[in-house]
Amino acid sequence: MGGLLLIELKSVENIEKVHHKIVLTYLKLAEIKLGLLINFSVNLIKDGIYRKINGDLT
């Protein structure tokens, strides 16, 4: 599947390891290469954005 992006939205005090693992699992199951984990419970939104990659982006 090309050109798809998975976005997981959260509003939690701290992003835990399990949140990252959940996004990677969603990416693998959906066969999507790129995802974003976004936490809205931060002062600066750029501090709450995490890019996740399933395999290589080739």
N, C-alpha and C. Protein backbone atom coordinates (compact mmCIF):
# COMPACT_ATOMS: atom_id res chain seq x y z
N MET A 1 0.85 -1.18 0.00
CA MET A 1 0.00 0.00 0.00
C MET A 1 0.89 1.23 0.00
N GLY A 2 0.74 2.06 -0.96
CA GLY A 2 1.58 3.25 -1.02
C GLY A 2 0.81 4.50 -0.68
N GLY A 3 1.50 5.46 -0.11
CA GLY A 3 0.90 6.75 0.17
C GLY A 3 -0.02 6.80 1.36
N LEU A 4 0.00 5.79 2.22
CA LEU A 4 -0.86 5.80 3.40
C LEU A 4 -0.06 6.21 4.63
N LEU A 5 -0.76 6.85 5.56
CA LEU A 5 -0.16 7.30 6.81
C LEU A 5 -1.12 6.95 7.94
N LEU A 6 -0.63 6.26 8.95
CA LEU A 6 -1.41 5.93 10.12
C LEU A 6 -1.16 7.00 11.18
N ILE A 7 -2.22 7.50 11.79
CA ILE A 7 -2.08 8.53 12.83
C ILE A 7 -2.78 8.04 14.09
N GLU A 8 -2.04 7.96 15.19
CA GLU A 8 -2.58 7.57 16.49
C GLU A 8 -2.55 8.81 17.38
N LEU A 9 -3.72 9.23 17.84
CA LEU A 9 -3.84 10.43 18.67
C LEU A 9 -4.01 10.04 20.13
N LYS A 10 -3.26 10.72 20.99
CA LYS A 10 -3.32 10.48 22.43
C LYS A 10 -3.40 11.81 23.15
N SER A 11 -3.91 11.75 24.37
CA SER A 11 -3.86 12.89 25.28
C SER A 11 -3.57 12.34 26.66
N VAL A 12 -2.32 11.95 26.85
CA VAL A 12 -1.88 11.34 28.09
C VAL A 12 -0.71 12.14 28.66
N GLU A 13 -0.52 12.04 29.96
CA GLU A 13 0.55 12.80 30.61
C GLU A 13 1.93 12.39 30.10
N ASN A 14 2.15 11.09 29.95
CA ASN A 14 3.42 10.57 29.46
C ASN A 14 3.17 9.50 28.41
N ILE A 15 3.92 9.55 27.32
CA ILE A 15 3.88 8.49 26.32
C ILE A 15 4.79 7.37 26.83
N GLU A 16 4.22 6.18 26.94
CA GLU A 16 4.96 5.03 27.44
C GLU A 16 5.43 4.16 26.27
N LYS A 17 6.30 3.20 26.56
CA LYS A 17 6.79 2.28 25.54
C LYS A 17 5.65 1.54 24.85
N VAL A 18 4.63 1.21 25.62
CA VAL A 18 3.51 0.45 25.08
C VAL A 18 2.78 1.24 23.99
N HIS A 19 2.73 2.55 24.08
CA HIS A 19 2.08 3.37 23.05
C HIS A 19 2.84 3.26 21.72
N HIS A 20 4.16 3.27 21.80
CA HIS A 20 4.98 3.12 20.59
C HIS A 20 4.78 1.72 19.99
N LYS A 21 4.74 0.70 20.85
CA LYS A 21 4.57 -0.67 20.38
C LYS A 21 3.20 -0.87 19.74
N ILE A 22 2.17 -0.23 20.27
CA ILE A 22 0.84 -0.34 19.70
C ILE A 22 0.81 0.23 18.29
N VAL A 23 1.44 1.39 18.09
CA VAL A 23 1.47 1.99 16.76
C VAL A 23 2.22 1.08 15.79
N LEU A 24 3.34 0.52 16.20
CA LEU A 24 4.08 -0.39 15.33
C LEU A 24 3.26 -1.63 14.98
N THR A 25 2.49 -2.13 15.94
CA THR A 25 1.62 -3.28 15.68
C THR A 25 0.55 -2.92 14.66
N TYR A 26 -0.08 -1.75 14.81
CA TYR A 26 -1.08 -1.29 13.84
C TYR A 26 -0.47 -1.18 12.44
N LEU A 27 0.76 -0.65 12.37
CA LEU A 27 1.43 -0.51 11.08
C LEU A 27 1.66 -1.87 10.42
N LYS A 28 2.12 -2.83 11.21
CA LYS A 28 2.38 -4.16 10.66
C LYS A 28 1.10 -4.83 10.20
N LEU A 29 0.05 -4.76 11.01
CA LEU A 29 -1.22 -5.41 10.66
C LEU A 29 -1.87 -4.79 9.42
N ALA A 30 -1.74 -3.48 9.28
CA ALA A 30 -2.35 -2.78 8.15
C ALA A 30 -1.41 -2.72 6.94
N GLU A 31 -0.19 -3.23 7.11
CA GLU A 31 0.84 -3.19 6.06
C GLU A 31 1.07 -1.77 5.56
N ILE A 32 1.19 -0.86 6.51
CA ILE A 32 1.49 0.55 6.24
C ILE A 32 2.91 0.82 6.71
N LYS A 33 3.64 1.63 5.97
CA LYS A 33 5.05 1.89 6.28
C LYS A 33 5.26 3.01 7.31
N LEU A 34 4.42 4.05 7.28
CA LEU A 34 4.69 5.24 8.07
C LEU A 34 3.52 5.59 8.98
N GLY A 35 3.86 5.95 10.22
CA GLY A 35 2.83 6.35 11.17
C GLY A 35 3.30 7.48 12.06
N LEU A 36 2.35 8.20 12.63
CA LEU A 36 2.63 9.25 13.60
C LEU A 36 1.90 8.95 14.89
N LEU A 37 2.61 9.11 15.98
CA LEU A 37 2.02 9.03 17.32
C LEU A 37 2.03 10.46 17.84
N ILE A 38 0.85 11.01 18.09
CA ILE A 38 0.74 12.41 18.49
C ILE A 38 0.08 12.50 19.86
N ASN A 39 0.77 13.15 20.79
CA ASN A 39 0.25 13.37 22.14
C ASN A 39 -0.08 14.85 22.29
N PHE A 40 -1.35 15.14 22.60
CA PHE A 40 -1.79 16.52 22.73
C PHE A 40 -1.62 17.08 24.14
N SER A 41 -1.17 16.25 25.07
CA SER A 41 -1.01 16.70 26.46
C SER A 41 0.41 17.19 26.72
N VAL A 42 0.90 18.10 25.87
CA VAL A 42 2.22 18.71 26.02
C VAL A 42 2.11 20.21 25.79
N ASN A 43 3.07 20.95 26.29
CA ASN A 43 3.05 22.41 26.11
C ASN A 43 3.28 22.81 24.66
N LEU A 44 4.27 22.19 24.02
CA LEU A 44 4.56 22.44 22.61
C LEU A 44 4.22 21.18 21.82
N ILE A 45 3.36 21.30 20.82
CA ILE A 45 2.90 20.12 20.08
C ILE A 45 4.06 19.39 19.41
N LYS A 46 5.13 20.12 19.03
CA LYS A 46 6.27 19.44 18.39
C LYS A 46 6.95 18.45 19.35
N ASP A 47 6.79 18.66 20.65
CA ASP A 47 7.35 17.73 21.64
C ASP A 47 6.51 16.47 21.78
N GLY A 48 5.33 16.47 21.21
CA GLY A 48 4.43 15.32 21.34
C GLY A 48 4.26 14.54 20.06
N ILE A 49 5.10 14.78 19.05
CA ILE A 49 4.97 14.08 17.76
C ILE A 49 6.12 13.09 17.61
N TYR A 50 5.76 11.82 17.36
CA TYR A 50 6.74 10.76 17.17
C TYR A 50 6.48 10.08 15.84
N ARG A 51 7.50 9.95 15.04
CA ARG A 51 7.40 9.29 13.73
C ARG A 51 7.78 7.82 13.90
N LYS A 52 6.94 6.94 13.40
CA LYS A 52 7.19 5.50 13.51
C LYS A 52 7.26 4.92 12.10
N ILE A 53 8.24 4.04 11.88
CA ILE A 53 8.45 3.44 10.57
C ILE A 53 8.40 1.92 10.69
N ASN A 54 7.64 1.30 9.81
CA ASN A 54 7.54 -0.15 9.74
C ASN A 54 8.45 -0.64 8.62
N GLY A 55 9.62 -1.12 8.97
CA GLY A 55 10.59 -1.57 7.96
C GLY A 55 11.32 -0.40 7.34
N ASP A 56 11.59 -0.50 6.04
CA ASP A 56 12.28 0.55 5.29
C ASP A 56 11.28 1.39 4.52
N LEU A 57 11.61 2.65 4.30
CA LEU A 57 10.74 3.55 3.53
C LEU A 57 11.14 3.58 2.06
N THR A 58 11.46 2.43 1.52
CA THR A 58 11.84 2.39 0.10
C THR A 58 10.69 2.03 -0.78
